[in-house]
Amino acid sequence: MLPEIESATSRNDRVFIVKALAEEQRIDGRKPFDARLRKIQIAEDNSGVTVQLGDTKVMAVITADLEEPRADGGRQREGSIRFKVDVGPTVSFAADTTRLSEDEQLITRLLQKAIRNTGVVDLEALCVSAGRKVWALAVYVTVLDHAGALVDACFLATMAALMAHRRPDATVDASTSDITVHSPDVREPVPLSLHHTPLAVTFALFKEGDDLVMDPLLKEEAAAGGQVTVVVNTAGQVCAVQQLGGLGLSLEQVMRVVRIAAGQVEDAAAQIRAALDTHSTAQLAARVRRQQGHAAHAAKAKAAAFLDVALPPLSTLASVAFEADAAGPSAAAQHQEDTEMRMAPPPGVPAEQPTVVNASPAGSTQLQDVSDSAARATPDASFDAIAARIAGTQLTSAGEGKAVKQKSRARNRKSDAW
């Protein structure tokens, strides 16, 4: 039994788990070689990945920095990669800080052995300038929750982060040897060159290895007599093997475990690729939306610039209106003159004749077209004679109106006297 998780499971739970396995049943309803549901979430900027294996949750973040290459002979053209595992104090079995530190070191060594030592990452592709600058990768693995098969979740998060990572593009000036690191807006970031994809699969051992369960829960790990973790790549090659506890496996059992693990690794790698494809599609759609937004903003700015040139500013229009109001009657007269000029008939077209209002002796008002009456009375009269008659009629009407006004004022004075 593993000492760091012994307290997580009672004796009755262990007895129940062992009896259920004898009937090929597990406490969560799975069969002995069924894996839990995997979830992979990639950060928007490709800097990290969060994975869930059942209730076990792990996050992996990768950073890339330009550093001088190591002084080892033959290493001047190679970058570097290092791993740091942090099992936080909030995980399920966090009770002994000493055990936590040992678990962190154990998983870190397995990552280095299975990923760095087998050449998963092409370190020569990380060289920017031989002997001067190379990319140094740092993989930070943080355990957010532990519900069993922690090593499997750490490998899944690490490999997904390596496959999703994009480092900045860097160029060297041939004349000055200056190194320029380009932003993602200037040049597309560069993916890592990976040679293979190793992933881990853990098995819990019961009854001298006769009973095996894959992807064990935390309680199953506590009830087991030992566990073995096999790291296999998608080509079926064994990259590392780690065994904990007192129970061991025969060669035949090891071969069986490797075959089962190879199938699981193929499924997990396919799920990582599917998550990467979905993430790339979402990134492309977001990039198209940004470009459309930039184009719309540029078109709006162009239209605004055109209107600024084609139309006077609003302040200019307001100042013109203010000056017209301040001008007073002269501006109104000018406006009236402009209106009359617009309403004047074209040359050669006779103007419309006016209609004169005459007051009849009976007090009624009669409309008389002076020009028509004058024309009927003197069909052969000249234009001057017609104009004289029109003027006389208008004067007569004006005189009668003046007399009426004088009589009205006289009556008002008499009323005031009374």
Protein backbone atom coordinates (compact mmCIF):
# COMPACT_ATOMS: atom_id res chain seq x y z
CA MET A 1 0.00 0.00 0.00
CA LEU A 2 1.24 3.46 -0.86
CA PRO A 3 1.97 5.32 2.41
CA GLU A 4 1.05 8.83 1.21
CA ILE A 5 -2.55 7.87 0.42
CA GLU A 6 -3.12 5.13 3.00
CA SER A 7 -5.11 7.48 5.20
CA ALA A 8 -7.43 8.44 2.31
CA THR A 9 -9.16 5.04 2.32
CA SER A 10 -10.60 3.11 5.23
CA ARG A 11 -10.11 -0.63 5.75
CA ASN A 12 -13.73 -1.34 4.81
CA ASP A 13 -13.30 0.59 1.55
CA ARG A 14 -10.23 -1.45 0.67
CA VAL A 15 -12.02 -4.72 1.35
CA PHE A 16 -14.96 -3.64 -0.78
CA ILE A 17 -12.70 -2.54 -3.67
CA VAL A 18 -10.82 -5.85 -3.70
CA LYS A 19 -14.02 -7.91 -3.62
CA ALA A 20 -15.54 -5.86 -6.43
CA LEU A 21 -12.44 -6.37 -8.59
CA ALA A 22 -12.78 -10.12 -8.15
CA GLU A 23 -16.02 -9.73 -10.11
CA GLU A 24 -14.42 -7.27 -12.55
CA GLN A 25 -16.36 -4.36 -11.10
CA ARG A 26 -15.07 -0.99 -9.90
CA ILE A 27 -16.51 1.51 -7.45
CA ASP A 28 -17.20 4.08 -10.18
CA GLY A 29 -18.89 1.59 -12.53
CA ARG A 30 -15.99 1.15 -14.96
CA LYS A 31 -14.51 -2.08 -16.19
CA PRO A 32 -10.90 -2.89 -15.15
CA PHE A 33 -9.35 -1.43 -18.32
CA ASP A 34 -11.70 1.51 -18.92
CA ALA A 35 -10.27 5.03 -18.76
CA ARG A 36 -12.00 8.04 -17.30
CA LEU A 37 -13.23 10.94 -19.39
CA ARG A 38 -10.48 13.28 -20.61
CA LYS A 39 -10.95 17.02 -21.07
CA ILE A 40 -8.35 19.26 -22.73
CA GLN A 41 -8.55 23.05 -22.70
CA ILE A 42 -5.91 25.10 -24.53
CA ALA A 43 -5.15 28.70 -23.58
CA GLU A 44 -6.05 31.33 -26.16
CA ASP A 45 -2.43 32.44 -26.56
CA ASN A 46 -1.14 28.82 -26.66
CA SER A 47 0.87 29.42 -23.52
CA GLY A 48 -0.60 26.56 -21.52
CA VAL A 49 -3.09 23.71 -21.26
CA THR A 50 -5.47 22.52 -18.55
CA VAL A 51 -6.51 18.86 -18.60
CA GLN A 52 -8.91 16.79 -16.56
CA LEU A 53 -8.72 13.04 -16.15
CA GLY A 54 -11.89 12.33 -14.25
CA ASP A 55 -11.59 14.56 -11.19
CA THR A 56 -7.81 14.84 -11.45
CA LYS A 57 -6.96 18.29 -12.79
CA VAL A 58 -3.53 19.50 -13.94
CA MET A 59 -2.33 22.66 -15.67
CA ALA A 60 0.88 22.96 -17.72
CA VAL A 61 2.37 26.31 -18.76
CA ILE A 62 5.41 26.78 -21.00
CA THR A 63 7.68 29.82 -21.18
CA ALA A 64 10.45 30.51 -23.70
CA ASP A 65 13.41 32.80 -23.02
CA LEU A 66 16.54 33.64 -24.98
CA GLU A 67 19.64 32.51 -23.10
CA GLU A 68 23.25 31.72 -23.76
CA PRO A 69 23.87 28.05 -24.60
CA ARG A 70 25.48 25.74 -22.10
CA ALA A 71 29.26 25.61 -22.07
CA ASP A 72 29.28 21.84 -22.65
CA GLY A 73 31.18 20.74 -25.71
CA GLY A 74 28.93 20.24 -28.71
CA ARG A 75 25.98 21.98 -27.02
CA GLN A 76 26.51 25.41 -28.56
CA ARG A 77 23.76 24.84 -31.14
CA GLU A 78 21.15 23.35 -28.80
CA GLY A 79 18.45 24.92 -26.71
CA SER A 80 17.23 23.48 -23.44
CA ILE A 81 14.06 22.25 -21.74
CA ARG A 82 13.40 21.76 -18.04
CA PHE A 83 10.42 20.67 -15.96
CA LYS A 84 9.01 21.83 -12.64
CA VAL A 85 6.10 20.01 -10.96
CA ASP A 86 4.16 21.70 -8.18
CA VAL A 87 1.67 19.63 -6.16
CA GLY A 88 -0.32 22.32 -4.42
CA PRO A 89 -1.32 22.05 -0.75
CA THR A 90 -5.04 21.90 -1.67
CA VAL A 91 -4.97 18.49 -3.38
CA SER A 92 -6.84 15.59 -1.85
CA PHE A 93 -3.96 13.78 -0.16
CA ALA A 94 -1.99 16.87 0.91
CA ALA A 95 -1.11 16.12 4.50
CA ASP A 96 2.63 15.61 4.66
CA THR A 97 4.74 18.31 3.03
CA THR A 98 7.67 15.91 2.89
CA ARG A 99 5.65 13.41 0.85
CA LEU A 100 4.46 16.22 -1.45
CA SER A 101 8.04 17.20 -2.16
CA GLU A 102 8.93 13.57 -2.92
CA ASP A 103 5.98 13.22 -5.29
CA GLU A 104 6.97 16.40 -7.11
CA GLN A 105 10.52 15.12 -7.57
CA LEU A 106 9.28 11.70 -8.66
CA ILE A 107 7.05 13.09 -11.42
CA THR A 108 9.70 15.62 -12.48
CA ARG A 109 12.31 12.88 -12.94
CA LEU A 110 9.88 10.78 -14.97
CA LEU A 111 9.08 13.73 -17.27
CA GLN A 112 12.77 14.40 -17.83
CA LYS A 113 13.49 10.73 -18.50
CA ALA A 114 10.59 10.15 -20.91
CA ILE A 115 10.54 13.52 -22.72
CA ARG A 116 13.91 15.23 -22.54
CA ASN A 117 16.15 12.17 -22.57
CA THR A 118 14.30 10.50 -25.46
CA GLY A 119 14.58 13.58 -27.66
CA VAL A 120 10.92 14.51 -27.93
CA VAL A 121 11.81 18.17 -28.53
CA ASP A 122 14.29 19.03 -31.28
CA LEU A 123 16.75 21.10 -29.26
CA GLU A 124 18.78 22.17 -32.31
CA ALA A 125 15.66 23.85 -33.70
CA LEU A 126 15.76 26.11 -30.63
CA CYS A 127 19.09 27.65 -31.69
CA VAL A 128 18.92 31.29 -32.82
CA SER A 129 22.64 32.10 -33.11
CA ALA A 130 25.21 29.35 -32.47
CA GLY A 131 27.23 30.02 -29.35
CA ARG A 132 25.29 33.21 -28.58
CA LYS A 133 21.56 32.76 -28.06
CA VAL A 134 19.23 29.76 -27.87
CA TRP A 135 15.67 29.30 -26.69
CA ALA A 136 15.32 27.87 -23.17
CA LEU A 137 11.94 26.22 -22.52
CA ALA A 138 10.53 25.88 -19.01
CA VAL A 139 7.52 23.61 -18.44
CA TYR A 140 5.64 24.35 -15.21
CA VAL A 141 3.18 21.61 -14.21
CA THR A 142 0.72 22.47 -11.43
CA VAL A 143 -1.54 19.86 -9.83
CA LEU A 144 -4.91 21.48 -9.14
CA ASP A 145 -6.70 18.38 -7.86
CA HIS A 146 -5.70 14.75 -7.37
CA ALA A 147 -8.24 11.93 -7.70
CA GLY A 148 -5.93 9.21 -8.97
CA ALA A 149 -3.52 8.54 -11.88
CA LEU A 150 -1.70 11.81 -11.27
CA VAL A 151 1.29 10.89 -13.45
CA ASP A 152 -1.01 10.21 -16.41
CA ALA A 153 -2.63 13.64 -16.10
CA CYS A 154 0.76 15.36 -15.80
CA PHE A 155 2.04 13.71 -18.98
CA LEU A 156 -1.19 14.50 -20.84
CA ALA A 157 -0.99 18.18 -19.85
CA THR A 158 2.73 18.43 -20.64
CA MET A 159 2.52 16.88 -24.11
CA ALA A 160 -0.60 18.89 -25.00
CA ALA A 161 1.19 22.08 -23.92
CA LEU A 162 4.28 21.21 -25.99
CA MET A 163 2.13 20.50 -29.07
CA ALA A 164 0.18 23.75 -28.62
CA HIS A 165 3.13 26.00 -27.75
CA ARG A 166 4.22 28.69 -30.21
CA ARG A 167 7.49 30.52 -29.58
CA PRO A 168 8.25 33.99 -31.03
CA ASP A 169 10.11 34.10 -34.32
CA ALA A 170 13.64 35.51 -34.09
CA THR A 171 15.98 36.64 -36.89
CA VAL A 172 19.65 37.58 -37.02
CA ASP A 173 20.86 40.57 -39.04
CA ALA A 174 23.63 39.31 -41.35
CA SER A 175 25.51 42.62 -41.32
CA THR A 176 25.30 43.56 -37.63
CA SER A 177 24.54 40.13 -36.05
CA ASP A 178 21.77 41.79 -34.06
CA ILE A 179 18.97 39.47 -32.94
CA THR A 180 15.39 40.65 -33.38
CA VAL A 181 12.49 38.90 -31.64
CA HIS A 182 9.32 39.59 -33.61
CA SER A 183 5.93 40.06 -31.99
CA PRO A 184 3.03 37.81 -33.06
CA ASP A 185 1.50 40.77 -34.93
CA VAL A 186 4.58 41.07 -37.14
CA ARG A 187 5.46 37.42 -37.71
CA GLU A 188 3.57 34.22 -37.07
CA PRO A 189 4.88 32.39 -33.97
CA VAL A 190 6.78 29.16 -34.59
CA PRO A 191 5.58 25.75 -33.27
CA LEU A 192 7.99 23.38 -31.57
CA SER A 193 9.57 20.58 -33.58
CA LEU A 194 8.51 17.32 -31.85
CA HIS A 195 9.82 13.90 -32.84
CA HIS A 196 7.29 11.69 -31.01
CA THR A 197 4.47 11.80 -28.46
CA PRO A 198 4.98 9.82 -25.24
CA LEU A 199 2.11 9.52 -22.76
CA ALA A 200 1.80 7.71 -19.44
CA VAL A 201 -0.68 5.01 -18.40
CA THR A 202 -0.87 3.85 -14.78
CA PHE A 203 -2.07 0.45 -13.52
CA ALA A 204 -2.91 -0.54 -9.95
CA LEU A 205 -1.82 -4.08 -8.94
CA PHE A 206 -3.79 -6.49 -6.77
CA LYS A 207 -3.09 -10.10 -5.70
CA GLU A 208 0.48 -10.43 -6.87
CA GLY A 209 -0.37 -8.69 -10.14
CA ASP A 210 -3.10 -11.12 -11.11
CA ASP A 211 -5.70 -8.34 -10.95
CA LEU A 212 -4.98 -5.07 -12.74
CA VAL A 213 -6.98 -1.87 -13.11
CA MET A 214 -6.06 0.90 -15.50
CA ASP A 215 -6.37 4.60 -14.64
CA PRO A 216 -7.00 3.90 -10.93
CA LEU A 217 -8.93 6.16 -8.61
CA LEU A 218 -7.25 7.52 -5.50
CA LYS A 219 -9.04 4.95 -3.32
CA GLU A 220 -8.03 2.15 -5.68
CA GLU A 221 -4.40 3.25 -5.47
CA ALA A 222 -4.67 3.14 -1.67
CA ALA A 223 -6.17 -0.34 -1.70
CA ALA A 224 -3.65 -1.71 -4.22
CA GLY A 225 -0.51 -3.60 -3.34
CA GLY A 226 1.48 -1.58 -5.86
CA GLN A 227 1.25 0.33 -9.11
CA VAL A 228 3.19 0.57 -12.34
CA THR A 229 3.31 3.47 -14.80
CA VAL A 230 4.27 2.79 -18.42
CA VAL A 231 5.24 5.65 -20.74
CA VAL A 232 4.63 4.69 -24.38
CA ASN A 233 4.67 6.81 -27.54
CA THR A 234 2.24 6.60 -30.46
CA ALA A 235 4.63 4.24 -32.28
CA GLY A 236 4.31 1.70 -29.47
CA GLN A 237 7.83 2.30 -28.15
CA VAL A 238 8.36 2.17 -24.39
CA CYS A 239 10.00 5.39 -23.17
CA ALA A 240 10.00 4.77 -19.41
CA VAL A 241 8.60 2.48 -16.72
CA GLN A 242 8.04 3.39 -13.08
CA GLN A 243 6.96 0.97 -10.35
CA LEU A 244 5.78 1.78 -6.82
CA GLY A 245 4.84 -0.57 -4.00
CA GLY A 246 5.83 -4.11 -3.17
CA LEU A 247 4.03 -6.05 -5.88
CA GLY A 248 5.85 -6.74 -9.13
CA LEU A 249 4.99 -7.98 -12.60
CA SER A 250 6.24 -10.89 -14.61
CA LEU A 251 7.57 -10.37 -18.12
CA GLU A 252 4.32 -11.65 -19.58
CA GLN A 253 2.33 -9.23 -17.43
CA VAL A 254 4.61 -6.37 -18.47
CA MET A 255 4.01 -7.13 -22.14
CA ARG A 256 0.28 -7.19 -21.52
CA VAL A 257 0.40 -3.85 -19.75
CA VAL A 258 2.42 -2.31 -22.61
CA ARG A 259 -0.11 -3.50 -25.21
CA ILE A 260 -3.02 -2.04 -23.26
CA ALA A 261 -1.13 1.21 -22.67
CA ALA A 262 -0.28 1.59 -26.38
CA GLY A 263 -3.97 1.56 -27.28
CA GLN A 264 -4.77 4.16 -24.64
CA VAL A 265 -1.90 6.39 -25.77
CA GLU A 266 -3.19 6.33 -29.34
CA ASP A 267 -6.64 7.44 -28.18
CA ALA A 268 -5.24 10.18 -25.93
CA ALA A 269 -2.94 11.52 -28.68
CA ALA A 270 -5.88 11.63 -31.10
CA GLN A 271 -7.87 13.61 -28.55
CA ILE A 272 -5.01 16.09 -28.18
CA ARG A 273 -4.88 16.56 -31.96
CA ALA A 274 -8.65 17.08 -32.09
CA ALA A 275 -8.42 19.71 -29.35
CA LEU A 276 -5.62 21.45 -31.25
CA ASP A 277 -7.68 21.48 -34.46
CA THR A 278 -10.66 22.97 -32.66
CA HIS A 279 -8.43 25.56 -31.03
CA SER A 280 -6.81 26.49 -34.37
CA THR A 281 -10.23 26.92 -35.99
CA ALA A 282 -11.35 29.20 -33.16
CA GLN A 283 -8.14 31.23 -33.46
CA LEU A 284 -8.63 31.62 -37.21
CA ALA A 285 -12.22 32.78 -36.74
CA ALA A 286 -11.10 35.29 -34.10
CA ARG A 287 -8.38 36.57 -36.43
CA VAL A 288 -10.92 37.05 -39.25
CA ARG A 289 -13.20 38.98 -36.90
CA ARG A 290 -10.32 41.21 -35.85
CA GLN A 291 -9.38 41.89 -39.47
CA GLN A 292 -12.99 42.70 -40.33
CA GLY A 293 -13.15 45.05 -37.37
CA HIS A 294 -9.95 46.77 -38.46
CA ALA A 295 -11.29 47.09 -42.03
CA ALA A 296 -14.58 48.57 -40.81
CA HIS A 297 -12.72 51.02 -38.58
CA ALA A 298 -10.47 52.06 -41.48
CA ALA A 299 -13.49 52.56 -43.77
CA LYS A 300 -15.21 54.65 -41.12
CA ALA A 301 -12.13 56.79 -40.65
CA LYS A 302 -11.80 57.24 -44.42
CA ALA A 303 -15.44 58.32 -44.71
CA ALA A 304 -15.03 60.77 -41.85
CA ALA A 305 -11.94 62.25 -43.50
CA PHE A 306 -13.84 62.64 -46.78
CA LEU A 307 -16.72 64.44 -45.05
CA ASP A 308 -14.29 66.76 -43.29
CA VAL A 309 -12.93 67.78 -46.70
CA ALA A 310 -16.21 67.83 -48.64
CA LEU A 311 -18.36 69.60 -46.02
CA PRO A 312 -17.50 72.65 -43.89
CA PRO A 313 -17.29 72.05 -40.16
CA LEU A 314 -20.41 72.62 -38.08
CA SER A 315 -18.74 75.56 -36.35
CA THR A 316 -18.35 77.30 -39.71
CA LEU A 317 -22.06 76.84 -40.52
CA ALA A 318 -23.03 78.17 -37.10
CA SER A 319 -20.83 81.23 -37.48
CA VAL A 320 -22.38 82.00 -40.88
CA ALA A 321 -25.89 81.77 -39.42
CA PHE A 322 -24.90 84.01 -36.51
CA GLU A 323 -23.49 86.64 -38.84
CA ALA A 324 -26.71 86.59 -40.90
CA ASP A 325 -28.82 87.18 -37.78
CA ALA A 326 -26.54 90.00 -36.66
CA ALA A 327 -26.86 91.72 -40.05
CA GLY A 328 -30.57 92.43 -39.32
CA PRO A 329 -32.87 94.00 -41.97
CA SER A 330 -30.14 94.24 -44.57
CA ALA A 331 -29.80 90.46 -44.54
CA ALA A 332 -33.59 90.08 -44.73
CA ALA A 333 -33.74 92.48 -47.66
CA GLN A 334 -30.99 90.59 -49.40
CA HIS A 335 -32.91 87.37 -48.83
CA GLN A 336 -36.09 88.93 -50.26
CA GLU A 337 -34.17 90.17 -53.28
CA ASP A 338 -32.68 86.72 -53.84
CA THR A 339 -36.16 85.19 -53.61
CA GLU A 340 -37.64 87.61 -56.14
CA MET A 341 -34.81 86.96 -58.55
CA ARG A 342 -35.44 83.23 -58.33
CA MET A 343 -39.19 83.70 -58.91
CA ALA A 344 -38.77 86.08 -61.87
CA PRO A 345 -39.92 84.56 -65.22
CA PRO A 346 -37.32 83.83 -67.87
CA PRO A 347 -36.67 86.46 -70.55
CA GLY A 348 -39.40 86.56 -73.22
CA VAL A 349 -42.11 85.08 -70.95
CA PRO A 350 -44.83 87.64 -69.86
CA ALA A 351 -45.17 88.14 -66.14
CA GLU A 352 -48.37 87.17 -64.36
CA GLN A 353 -50.78 90.16 -64.16
CA PRO A 354 -51.85 91.45 -60.71
CA THR A 355 -55.38 91.27 -59.41
CA VAL A 356 -56.78 94.53 -57.87
CA VAL A 357 -59.38 94.61 -55.10
CA ASN A 358 -62.08 97.36 -55.57
CA ALA A 359 -64.56 98.47 -52.95
CA SER A 360 -68.10 98.76 -54.30
CA PRO A 361 -70.53 101.51 -53.10
CA ALA A 362 -72.62 98.89 -51.31
CA GLY A 363 -69.66 97.92 -49.18
CA SER A 364 -69.04 94.60 -50.94
CA THR A 365 -65.69 93.67 -52.32
CA GLN A 366 -65.30 92.80 -55.97
CA LEU A 367 -62.33 91.14 -57.63
CA GLN A 368 -61.54 92.69 -60.96
CA ASP A 369 -58.77 91.75 -63.31
CA VAL A 370 -57.69 95.24 -64.29
CA SER A 371 -55.61 94.19 -67.21
CA ASP A 372 -58.46 92.14 -68.71
CA SER A 373 -61.05 94.93 -68.31
CA ALA A 374 -58.70 97.46 -69.79
CA ALA A 375 -58.00 95.20 -72.71
CA ARG A 376 -61.74 94.64 -73.34
CA ALA A 377 -62.53 98.37 -73.12
CA THR A 378 -59.76 99.35 -75.43
CA PRO A 379 -58.82 96.37 -77.51
CA ASP A 380 -56.56 98.51 -79.66
CA ALA A 381 -55.04 100.51 -76.80
CA SER A 382 -51.33 100.57 -76.34
CA PHE A 383 -49.42 99.21 -73.37
CA ASP A 384 -48.93 102.74 -71.96
CA ALA A 385 -52.67 103.43 -71.91
CA ILE A 386 -53.36 100.18 -70.09
CA ALA A 387 -50.70 100.99 -67.52
CA ALA A 388 -52.23 104.46 -66.96
CA ARG A 389 -55.70 102.99 -66.32
CA ILE A 390 -54.27 100.43 -63.89
CA ALA A 391 -52.47 103.19 -61.99
CA GLY A 392 -55.62 105.35 -61.84
CA THR A 393 -57.71 102.52 -60.48
CA GLN A 394 -55.17 101.77 -57.81
CA LEU A 395 -55.01 105.44 -56.80
CA THR A 396 -58.81 105.64 -56.61
CA SER A 397 -58.95 102.62 -54.37
CA ALA A 398 -56.27 104.10 -52.17
CA GLY A 399 -58.16 107.42 -51.92
CA GLU A 400 -61.44 105.76 -50.98
CA GLY A 401 -59.68 103.77 -48.31
CA LYS A 402 -58.15 106.96 -46.86
CA ALA A 403 -61.55 108.67 -46.70
CA VAL A 404 -63.09 105.72 -44.85
CA LYS A 405 -60.30 105.80 -42.25
CA GLN A 406 -60.81 109.58 -41.66
CA LYS A 407 -64.58 109.13 -41.07
CA SER A 408 -63.89 106.35 -38.57
CA ARG A 409 -61.51 108.53 -36.57
CA ALA A 410 -64.09 111.39 -36.49
CA ARG A 411 -66.77 109.07 -35.04
CA ASN A 412 -64.32 107.89 -32.39
CA ARG A 413 -63.62 111.48 -31.30
CA LYS A 414 -67.35 112.19 -30.91
CA SER A 415 -67.77 109.09 -28.75
CA ASP A 416 -64.95 110.19 -26.52
CA ALA A 417 -66.54 113.64 -26.12
CA TRP A 418 -69.82 112.11 -24.94
